[in-house]
PDB file of N, CA and C in Angstrom:
ATOM      1  N   MET A   1     -76.611-120.730 -80.216  1.00  0.00           N
ATOM      2  CA  MET A   1     -75.755-120.711 -79.068  1.00  0.00           C
ATOM      3  C   MET A   1     -74.887-122.097 -78.579  1.00  0.00           C
ATOM      4  N   PRO A   2     -73.647-121.565 -78.307  1.00  0.00           N
ATOM      5  CA  PRO A   2     -72.913-122.546 -78.333  1.00  0.00           C
ATOM      6  C   PRO A   2     -73.401-123.733 -76.796  1.00  0.00           C
ATOM      7  N   ALA A   3     -72.094-124.569 -77.139  1.00  0.00           N
ATOM      8  CA  ALA A   3     -72.889-126.149 -75.823  1.00  0.00           C
ATOM      9  C   ALA A   3     -72.307-125.456 -74.962  1.00  0.00           C
ATOM     10  N   LEU A   4     -70.886-125.291 -74.829  1.00  0.00           N
ATOM     11  CA  LEU A   4     -70.475-124.309 -73.180  1.00  0.00           C
ATOM     12  C   LEU A   4     -70.198-123.214 -73.185  1.00  0.00           C
ATOM     13  N   ALA A   5     -71.377-122.822 -72.520  1.00  0.00           N
ATOM     14  CA  ALA A   5     -70.556-121.098 -71.772  1.00  0.00           C
ATOM     15  C   ALA A   5     -69.658-121.253 -71.567  1.00  0.00           C
ATOM     16  N   PHE A   6     -68.118-121.231 -71.532  1.00  0.00           N
ATOM     17  CA  PHE A   6     -67.140-120.844 -70.630  1.00  0.00           C
ATOM     18  C   PHE A   6     -66.823-119.071 -70.684  1.00  0.00           C
ATOM     19  N   ASN A   7     -66.647-118.842 -69.358  1.00  0.00           N
ATOM     20  CA  ASN A   7     -66.174-117.152 -69.447  1.00  0.00           C
ATOM     21  C   ASN A   7     -65.357-117.408 -68.729  1.00  0.00           C
ATOM     22  N   PRO A   8     -63.644-117.365 -69.635  1.00  0.00           N
ATOM     23  CA  PRO A   8     -62.687-117.210 -69.089  1.00  0.00           C
ATOM     24  C   PRO A   8     -61.959-116.481 -67.330  1.00  0.00           C
ATOM     25  N   LEU A   9     -62.382-115.276 -67.903  1.00  0.00           N
ATOM     26  CA  LEU A   9     -62.256-114.112 -66.814  1.00  0.00           C
ATOM     27  C   LEU A   9     -62.897-114.418 -65.456  1.00  0.00           C
ATOM     28  N   LYS A  10     -63.896-114.557 -65.224  1.00  0.00           N
ATOM     29  CA  LYS A  10     -64.939-115.225 -64.762  1.00  0.00           C
ATOM     30  C   LYS A  10     -63.926-116.628 -63.787  1.00  0.00           C
ATOM     31  N   ALA A  11     -63.960-117.453 -64.465  1.00  0.00           N
ATOM     32  CA  ALA A  11     -63.218-118.492 -63.874  1.00  0.00           C
ATOM     33  C   ALA A  11     -61.588-118.245 -63.007  1.00  0.00           C
ATOM     34  N   ALA A  12     -61.127-117.586 -63.939  1.00  0.00           N
ATOM     35  CA  ALA A  12     -59.676-116.456 -62.951  1.00  0.00           C
ATOM     36  C   ALA A  12     -59.609-116.305 -62.215  1.00  0.00           C
ATOM     37  N   ARG A  13     -61.177-114.898 -61.702  1.00  0.00           N
ATOM     38  CA  ARG A  13     -61.446-114.361 -60.736  1.00  0.00           C
ATOM     39  C   ARG A  13     -61.662-115.343 -59.317  1.00  0.00           C
ATOM     40  N   SER A  14     -62.844-116.372 -59.687  1.00  0.00           N
ATOM     41  CA  SER A  14     -63.027-117.656 -58.824  1.00  0.00           C
ATOM     42  C   SER A  14     -61.113-118.323 -58.587  1.00  0.00           C
ATOM     43  N   LEU A  15     -60.725-117.970 -59.715  1.00  0.00           N
ATOM     44  CA  LEU A  15     -59.418-119.240 -59.264  1.00  0.00           C
ATOM     45  C   LEU A  15     -58.508-118.126 -58.077  1.00  0.00           C
ATOM     46  N   ARG A  16     -58.638-116.743 -57.865  1.00  0.00           N
ATOM     47  CA  ARG A  16     -57.937-116.146 -57.558  1.00  0.00           C
ATOM     48  C   ARG A  16     -58.261-115.401 -56.329  1.00  0.00           C
ATOM     49  N   GLU A  17     -59.638-115.464 -56.269  1.00  0.00           N
ATOM     50  CA  GLU A  17     -60.153-116.036 -54.705  1.00  0.00           C
ATOM     51  C   GLU A  17     -60.501-116.766 -53.869  1.00  0.00           C
ATOM     52  N   ALA A  18     -59.722-118.074 -54.672  1.00  0.00           N
ATOM     53  CA  ALA A  18     -59.798-119.236 -53.980  1.00  0.00           C
ATOM     54  C   ALA A  18     -57.957-119.601 -53.071  1.00  0.00           C
ATOM     55  N   GLY A  19     -57.444-118.438 -53.832  1.00  0.00           N
ATOM     56  CA  GLY A  19     -56.527-118.792 -53.500  1.00  0.00           C
ATOM     57  C   GLY A  19     -55.174-118.306 -54.133  1.00  0.00           C
ATOM     58  N   ALA A  20     -55.518-118.922 -55.314  1.00  0.00           N
ATOM     59  CA  ALA A  20     -54.703-119.117 -56.458  1.00  0.00           C
ATOM     60  C   ALA A  20     -53.623-118.009 -57.089  1.00  0.00           C
ATOM     61  N   ASP A  21     -52.090-117.869 -57.518  1.00  0.00           N
ATOM     62  CA  ASP A  21     -51.977-116.294 -57.285  1.00  0.00           C
ATOM     63  C   ASP A  21     -52.155-116.274 -59.587  1.00  0.00           C
ATOM     64  N   GLU A  22     -52.111-115.558 -59.382  1.00  0.00           N
ATOM     65  CA  GLU A  22     -52.549-114.787 -60.819  1.00  0.00           C
ATOM     66  C   GLU A  22     -51.742-115.241 -62.047  1.00  0.00           C
ATOM     67  N   LYS A  23     -50.949-115.810 -62.114  1.00  0.00           N
ATOM     68  CA  LYS A  23     -50.690-116.319 -63.294  1.00  0.00           C
ATOM     69  C   LYS A  23     -50.791-117.593 -63.730  1.00  0.00           C
ATOM     70  N   LEU A  24     -51.264-118.676 -62.203  1.00  0.00           N
ATOM     71  CA  LEU A  24     -52.017-120.010 -62.180  1.00  0.00           C
ATOM     72  C   LEU A  24     -53.074-119.538 -62.368  1.00  0.00           C
ATOM     73  N   ALA A  25     -53.676-118.778 -61.703  1.00  0.00           N
ATOM     74  CA  ALA A  25     -55.499-118.615 -62.390  1.00  0.00           C
ATOM     75  C   ALA A  25     -55.811-118.152 -63.483  1.00  0.00           C
ATOM     76  N   GLU A  26     -54.752-117.354 -64.633  1.00  0.00           N
ATOM     77  CA  GLU A  26     -55.585-117.209 -65.564  1.00  0.00           C
ATOM     78  C   GLU A  26     -54.521-118.113 -66.405  1.00  0.00           C
ATOM     79  N   ALA A  27     -53.448-119.217 -65.864  1.00  0.00           N
ATOM     80  CA  ALA A  27     -53.309-120.831 -67.058  1.00  0.00           C
ATOM     81  C   ALA A  27     -54.341-121.535 -67.039  1.00  0.00           C
ATOM     82  N   MET A  28     -54.526-121.775 -65.732  1.00  0.00           N
ATOM     83  CA  MET A  28     -55.949-122.754 -65.466  1.00  0.00           C
ATOM     84  C   MET A  28     -57.349-122.386 -66.159  1.00  0.00           C
ATOM     85  N   ALA A  29     -57.095-120.970 -66.154  1.00  0.00           N
ATOM     86  CA  ALA A  29     -58.855-120.851 -66.574  1.00  0.00           C
ATOM     87  C   ALA A  29     -58.189-120.634 -68.471  1.00  0.00           C
ATOM     88  N   SER A  30     -57.277-120.286 -68.894  1.00  0.00           N
ATOM     89  CA  SER A  30     -57.454-120.332 -70.475  1.00  0.00           C
ATOM     90  C   SER A  30     -57.056-122.117 -70.908  1.00  0.00           C
ATOM     91  N   ALA A  31     -56.642-122.913 -69.746  1.00  0.00           N
ATOM     92  CA  ALA A  31     -56.123-124.673 -70.346  1.00  0.00           C
ATOM     93  C   ALA A  31     -58.057-124.683 -70.730  1.00  0.00           C
ATOM     94  N   ILE A  32     -58.642-124.438 -69.281  1.00  0.00           N
ATOM     95  CA  ILE A  32     -60.146-125.367 -69.568  1.00  0.00           C
ATOM     96  C   ILE A  32     -60.767-124.595 -70.562  1.00  0.00           C
ATOM     97  N   GLY A  33     -60.577-123.383 -70.447  1.00  0.00           N
ATOM     98  CA  GLY A  33     -61.378-123.001 -71.840  1.00  0.00           C
ATOM     99  C   GLY A  33     -60.502-123.188 -73.582  1.00  0.00           C
ATOM    100  N   ASP A  34     -59.444-123.367 -74.056  1.00  0.00           N
ATOM    101  CA  ASP A  34     -59.234-125.008 -74.704  1.00  0.00           C
ATOM    102  C   ASP A  34     -59.575-125.625 -74.824  1.00  0.00           C
ATOM    103  N   MET A  35     -59.661-126.209 -73.572  1.00  0.00           N
ATOM    104  CA  MET A  35     -60.472-127.802 -73.794  1.00  0.00           C
ATOM    105  C   MET A  35     -62.025-127.713 -73.961  1.00  0.00           C
ATOM    106  N   ALA A  36     -63.070-126.198 -73.213  1.00  0.00           N
ATOM    107  CA  ALA A  36     -63.808-125.844 -74.454  1.00  0.00           C
ATOM    108  C   ALA A  36     -64.414-125.938 -75.307  1.00  0.00           C
ATOM    109  N   ASP A  37     -63.232-124.856 -76.002  1.00  0.00           N
ATOM    110  CA  ASP A  37     -63.133-124.954 -77.872  1.00  0.00           C
ATOM    111  C   ASP A  37     -62.808-126.556 -78.262  1.00  0.00           C
ATOM    112  N   ALA A  38     -62.765-127.355 -77.741  1.00  0.00           N
ATOM    113  CA  ALA A  38     -61.908-128.331 -78.735  1.00  0.00           C
ATOM    114  C   ALA A  38     -63.542-129.590 -78.184  1.00  0.00           C
ATOM    115  N   VAL A  39     -63.575-129.203 -77.065  1.00  0.00           N
ATOM    116  CA  VAL A  39     -65.344-130.503 -77.563  1.00  0.00           C
ATOM    117  C   VAL A  39     -66.440-129.260 -78.345  1.00  0.00           C
ATOM    118  N   GLU A  40     -66.454-128.194 -78.236  1.00  0.00           N
ATOM    119  CA  GLU A  40     -67.189-127.757 -79.040  1.00  0.00           C
ATOM    120  C   GLU A  40     -67.886-128.137 -80.163  1.00  0.00           C
ATOM    121  N   GLY A  41     -68.844-128.640 -80.151  1.00  0.00           N
ATOM    122  CA  GLY A  41     -69.123-129.287 -81.732  1.00  0.00           C
ATOM    123  C   GLY A  41     -69.764-130.574 -81.691  1.00  0.00           C
ATOM    124  N   GLN A  42     -68.952-130.861 -80.733  1.00  0.00           N
ATOM    125  CA  GLN A  42     -68.839-132.790 -81.095  1.00  0.00           C
ATOM    126  C   GLN A  42     -69.597-133.232 -79.463  1.00  0.00           C
ATOM    127  N   LEU A  43     -70.320-131.976 -79.000  1.00  0.00           N
ATOM    128  CA  LEU A  43     -71.695-132.683 -77.331  1.00  0.00           C
ATOM    129  C   LEU A  43     -72.795-133.047 -78.509  1.00  0.00           C
ATOM    130  N   ALA A  44     -73.336-133.635 -78.419  1.00  0.00           N
ATOM    131  CA  ALA A  44     -74.894-133.328 -78.680  1.00  0.00           C
ATOM    132  C   ALA A  44     -75.795-132.989 -76.930  1.00  0.00           C
ATOM    133  N   THR A  45     -76.805-132.024 -78.158  1.00  0.00           N
ATOM    134  CA  THR A  45     -77.246-132.014 -77.553  1.00  0.00           C
ATOM    135  C   THR A  45     -79.094-132.286 -77.795  1.00  0.00           C
ATOM    136  N   LYS A  46     -80.194-132.059 -76.746  1.00  0.00           N
ATOM    137  CA  LYS A  46     -80.983-132.709 -76.469  1.00  0.00           C
ATOM    138  C   LYS A  46     -81.649-132.718 -77.896  1.00  0.00           C
ATOM    139  N   THR A  47     -82.205-131.795 -78.637  1.00  0.00           N
ATOM    140  CA  THR A  47     -82.714-131.958 -80.430  1.00  0.00           C
ATOM    141  C   THR A  47     -81.929-133.590 -80.979  1.00  0.00           C
ATOM    142  N   ASP A  48     -80.590-133.445 -81.037  1.00  0.00           N
ATOM    143  CA  ASP A  48     -79.827-134.835 -81.268  1.00  0.00           C
ATOM    144  C   ASP A  48     -79.897-135.496 -81.037  1.00  0.00           C
ATOM    145  N   LEU A  49     -80.348-135.284 -79.381  1.00  0.00           N
ATOM    146  CA  LEU A  49     -80.759-137.474 -79.010  1.00  0.00           C
ATOM    147  C   LEU A  49     -82.074-137.191 -79.021  1.00  0.00           C
ATOM    148  N   ASN A  50     -83.078-136.880 -79.286  1.00  0.00           N
ATOM    149  CA  ASN A  50     -84.118-136.605 -79.709  1.00  0.00           C
ATOM    150  C   ASN A  50     -84.296-137.348 -80.997  1.00  0.00           C
ATOM    151  N   ALA A  51     -83.209-137.220 -81.684  1.00  0.00           N
ATOM    152  CA  ALA A  51     -83.355-137.814 -83.100  1.00  0.00           C
ATOM    153  C   ALA A  51     -82.954-139.017 -83.381  1.00  0.00           C
ATOM    154  N   LEU A  52     -82.068-139.096 -82.179  1.00  0.00           N
ATOM    155  CA  LEU A  52     -81.636-140.568 -82.558  1.00  0.00           C
ATOM    156  C   LEU A  52     -82.904-141.383 -82.032  1.00  0.00           C
ATOM    157  N   GLU A  53     -82.938-141.032 -80.717  1.00  0.00           N
ATOM    158  CA  GLU A  53     -83.973-141.821 -80.194  1.00  0.00           C
ATOM    159  C   GLU A  53     -85.224-142.305 -81.175  1.00  0.00           C
ATOM    160  N   GLN A  54     -85.532-141.464 -81.843  1.00  0.00           N
ATOM    161  CA  GLN A  54     -86.783-141.229 -83.517  1.00  0.00           C
ATOM    162  C   GLN A  54     -85.830-142.256 -83.930  1.00  0.00           C
ATOM    163  N   ARG A  55     -84.899-142.246 -84.493  1.00  0.00           N
ATOM    164  CA  ARG A  55     -84.296-142.766 -85.731  1.00  0.00           C
ATOM    165  C   ARG A  55     -84.117-144.628 -85.534  1.00  0.00           C
ATOM    166  N   ASN A  56     -83.978-144.743 -83.863  1.00  0.00           N
ATOM    167  CA  ASN A  56     -83.737-145.661 -83.099  1.00  0.00           C
ATOM    168  C   ASN A  56     -84.921-146.583 -82.955  1.00  0.00           C
ATOM    169  N   ALA A  57     -85.985-145.969 -82.589  1.00  0.00           N
ATOM    170  CA  ALA A  57     -87.296-146.569 -82.798  1.00  0.00           C
ATOM    171  C   ALA A  57     -87.788-146.633 -83.875  1.00  0.00           C
ATOM    172  N   SER A  58     -87.313-146.331 -84.646  1.00  0.00           N
ATOM    173  CA  SER A  58     -88.034-146.608 -86.438  1.00  0.00           C
ATOM    174  C   SER A  58     -87.421-147.764 -87.035  1.00  0.00           C
ATOM    175  N   ALA A  59     -85.823-147.916 -86.650  1.00  0.00           N
ATOM    176  CA  ALA A  59     -85.250-149.063 -86.994  1.00  0.00           C
ATOM    177  C   ALA A  59     -85.728-150.465 -86.459  1.00  0.00           C
ATOM    178  N   MET A  60     -85.651-150.088 -84.968  1.00  0.00           N
ATOM    179  CA  MET A  60     -86.150-151.129 -84.047  1.00  0.00           C
ATOM    180  C   MET A  60     -87.907-151.758 -84.644  1.00  0.00           C
ATOM    181  N   GLU A  61     -88.307-150.633 -85.037  1.00  0.00           N
ATOM    182  CA  GLU A  61     -89.555-151.466 -86.055  1.00  0.00           C
ATOM    183  C   GLU A  61     -89.957-152.135 -87.071  1.00  0.00           C
ATOM    184  N   ALA A  62     -88.891-151.423 -88.182  1.00  0.00           N
ATOM    185  CA  ALA A  62     -88.638-152.088 -88.804  1.00  0.00           C
ATOM    186  C   ALA A  62     -87.630-153.710 -88.239  1.00  0.00           C
ATOM    187  N   LEU A  63     -86.904-154.076 -87.773  1.00  0.00           N
ATOM    188  CA  LEU A  63     -86.306-155.151 -87.015  1.00  0.00           C
ATOM    189  C   LEU A  63     -87.346-156.305 -86.557  1.00  0.00           C
ATOM    190  N   GLU A  64     -88.435-155.748 -85.522  1.00  0.00           N
ATOM    191  CA  GLU A  64     -89.376-156.605 -85.613  1.00  0.00           C
ATOM    192  C   GLU A  64     -90.311-156.666 -86.857  1.00  0.00           C
ATOM    193  N   GLN A  65     -89.998-156.262 -87.366  1.00  0.00           N
ATOM    194  CA  GLN A  65     -91.659-156.496 -88.595  1.00  0.00           C
ATOM    195  C   GLN A  65     -90.983-157.715 -89.045  1.00  0.00           C
ATOM    196  N   ARG A  66     -89.344-157.174 -89.521  1.00  0.00           N
ATOM    197  CA  ARG A  66     -88.989-158.017 -89.992  1.00  0.00           C
ATOM    198  C   ARG A  66     -88.288-159.372 -89.260  1.00  0.00           C
ATOM    199  N   MET A  67     -88.617-159.861 -88.432  1.00  0.00           N
ATOM    200  CA  MET A  67     -88.009-161.178 -87.279  1.00  0.00           C
ATOM    201  C   MET A  67     -89.180-161.340 -87.705  1.00  0.00           C
ATOM    202  N   ARG A  68     -90.465-160.485 -87.086  1.00  0.00           N
ATOM    203  CA  ARG A  68     -91.948-161.260 -87.318  1.00  0.00           C
ATOM    204  C   ARG A  68     -92.314-162.051 -88.658  1.00  0.00           C
ATOM    205  N   ALA A  69     -92.053-161.378 -89.696  1.00  0.00           N
ATOM    206  CA  ALA A  69     -92.363-162.254 -91.151  1.00  0.00           C
ATOM    207  C   ALA A  69     -91.494-163.322 -90.919  1.00  0.00           C
ATOM    208  N   THR A  70     -89.796-163.140 -91.068  1.00  0.00           N
ATOM    209  CA  THR A  70     -88.991-164.395 -91.042  1.00  0.00           C
ATOM    210  C   THR A  70     -89.731-165.768 -90.020  1.00  0.00           C
ATOM    211  N   LEU A  71     -90.512-165.522 -88.303  1.00  0.00           N
ATOM    212  CA  LEU A  71     -91.031-166.312 -87.815  1.00  0.00           C
ATOM    213  C   LEU A  71     -91.748-166.962 -88.632  1.00  0.00           C
ATOM    214  N   TYR A  72     -93.097-166.245 -89.211  1.00  0.00           N
ATOM    215  CA  TYR A  72     -93.956-166.884 -90.121  1.00  0.00           C
ATOM    216  C   TYR A  72     -93.933-167.832 -90.945  1.00  0.00           C
ATOM    217  N   ARG A  73     -92.496-167.471 -91.752  1.00  0.00           N
ATOM    218  CA  ARG A  73     -92.542-168.292 -92.888  1.00  0.00           C
ATOM    219  C   ARG A  73     -91.925-169.306 -92.062  1.00  0.00           C
ATOM    220  N   THR A  74     -90.962-169.599 -91.388  1.00  0.00           N
ATOM    221  CA  THR A  74     -90.239-170.843 -90.342  1.00  0.00           C
ATOM    222  C   THR A  74     -91.700-170.882 -90.183  1.00  0.00           C
ATOM    223  N   LEU A  75     -92.341-170.978 -89.123  1.00  0.00           N
ATOM    224  CA  LEU A  75     -93.514-171.799 -88.979  1.00  0.00           C
ATOM    225  C   LEU A  75     -94.158-172.646 -90.266  1.00  0.00           C
ATOM    226  N   TRP A  76     -94.708-171.779 -91.066  1.00  0.00           N
ATOM    227  CA  TRP A  76     -95.365-172.204 -92.331  1.00  0.00           C
ATOM    228  C   TRP A  76     -95.071-173.464 -92.605  1.00  0.00           C
ATOM    229  N   LEU A  77     -93.051-173.224 -92.722  1.00  0.00           N
ATOM    230  CA  LEU A  77     -92.374-174.409 -93.159  1.00  0.00           C
ATOM    231  C   LEU A  77     -92.365-175.546 -92.537  1.00  0.00           C
ATOM    232  N   GLN A  78     -92.260-175.162 -91.482  1.00  0.00           N
ATOM    233  CA  GLN A  78     -92.419-176.515 -90.627  1.00  0.00           C
ATOM    234  C   GLN A  78     -93.708-177.134 -90.558  1.00  0.00           C
ATOM    235  N   THR A  79     -95.118-176.470 -90.726  1.00  0.00           N
ATOM    236  CA  THR A  79     -96.074-176.903 -90.718  1.00  0.00           C
ATOM    237  C   THR A  79     -96.031-177.445 -91.727  1.00  0.00           C
ATOM    238  N   GLY A  80     -95.660-177.463 -92.969  1.00  0.00           N
ATOM    239  CA  GLY A  80     -95.530-177.658 -94.429  1.00  0.00           C
ATOM    240  C   GLY A  80     -95.079-179.718 -93.661  1.00  0.00           C
ATOM    241  N   ILE A  81     -93.561-179.544 -93.499  1.00  0.00           N
ATOM    242  CA  ILE A  81     -92.574-180.598 -93.459  1.00  0.00           C
ATOM    243  C   ILE A  81     -93.484-181.679 -92.178  1.00  0.00           C
ATOM    244  N   ILE A  82     -93.937-181.342 -90.657  1.00  0.00           N
ATOM    245  CA  ILE A  82     -94.959-182.110 -90.045  1.00  0.00           C
ATOM    246  C   ILE A  82     -96.050-182.299 -91.313  1.00  0.00           C
ATOM    247  N   ILE A  83     -96.676-182.003 -91.899  1.00  0.00           N
ATOM    248  CA  ILE A  83     -97.811-182.079 -92.692  1.00  0.00           C
ATOM    249  C   ILE A  83     -97.560-184.115 -93.843  1.00  0.00           C
ATOM    250  N   ALA A  84     -95.643-183.365 -94.523  1.00  0.00           N
ATOM    251  CA  ALA A  84     -95.527-184.006 -94.910  1.00  0.00           C
ATOM    252  C   ALA A  84     -95.766-184.946 -94.469  1.00  0.00           C
ATOM    253  N   ALA A  85     -94.440-184.935 -93.480  1.00  0.00           N
ATOM    254  CA  ALA A  85     -93.851-186.799 -92.413  1.00  0.00           C
ATOM    255  C   ALA A  85     -94.655-187.437 -92.484  1.00  0.00           C
ATOM    256  N   VAL A  86     -96.269-186.610 -91.611  1.00  0.00           N
ATOM    257  CA  VAL A  86     -97.140-187.676 -90.781  1.00  0.00           C
ATOM    258  C   VAL A  86     -98.048-188.061 -92.411  1.00  0.00           C
ATOM    259  N   THR A  87     -98.183-187.180 -93.182  1.00  0.00           N
ATOM    260  CA  THR A  87     -98.645-188.741 -94.698  1.00  0.00           C
ATOM    261  C   THR A  87     -98.225-189.160 -94.930  1.00  0.00           C
ATOM    262  N   ALA A  88     -96.822-189.398 -95.007  1.00  0.00           N
ATOM    263  CA  ALA A  88     -95.922-190.827 -95.089  1.00  0.00           C
ATOM    264  C   ALA A  88     -96.263-191.352 -94.526  1.00  0.00           C
ATOM    265  N   VAL A  89     -95.670-191.376 -93.361  1.00  0.00           N
ATOM    266  CA  VAL A  89     -95.176-192.126 -92.265  1.00  0.00           C
ATOM    267  C   VAL A  89     -97.413-193.247 -92.016  1.00  0.00           C
ATOM    268  N   THR A  90     -97.682-191.984 -92.382  1.00  0.00           N
ATOM    269  CA  THR A  90     -99.622-193.178 -92.578  1.00  0.00           C
ATOM    270  C   THR A  90     -99.904-193.234 -93.568  1.00  0.00           C
ATOM    271  N   ARG A  91     -99.186-193.269 -94.514  1.00  0.00           N
ATOM    272  CA  ARG A  91     -98.901-194.254 -96.451  1.00  0.00           C
ATOM    273  C   ARG A  91     -98.799-195.353 -96.411  1.00  0.00           C
ATOM    274  N   LEU A  92     -97.126-195.140 -95.580  1.00  0.00           N
ATOM    275  CA  LEU A  92     -96.781-196.636 -94.669  1.00  0.00           C
ATOM    276  C   LEU A  92     -96.821-197.372 -94.205  1.00  0.00           C
ATOM    277  N   LEU A  93     -97.941-196.633 -93.264  1.00  0.00           N
ATOM    278  CA  LEU A  93     -98.483-198.110 -91.947  1.00  0.00           C
ATOM    279  C   LEU A  93     -99.994-198.727 -93.275  1.00  0.00           C
ATOM    280  N   PRO A  94    -100.405-200.053 -92.656  1.00  0.00           N
ATOM    281  CA  PRO A  94    -101.293-200.502 -93.195  1.00  0.00           C
ATOM    282  C   PRO A  94    -102.636-200.069 -93.159  1.00  0.00           C
TER     283      PRO A  94
END
């Protein structure tokens, strides 16, 4: 099913009924039809958007997991440095 359902005959008829002359109505309907044809296949469908949303959710979850792992590694490293510093200072004190 096409993403855009455009009927140039119906559009030309509507333009003529609105007061446009025959040549102008046909030219405008043809131009609109050409634009609809040009974007055909470039428009996202609901299925496309749902698939994109799913991929983004998966990517976001993976990113959150990597960030959480990096945070925990950083916290363990900082804890080790603090313990080493406290140990060094307590050995220096009489």
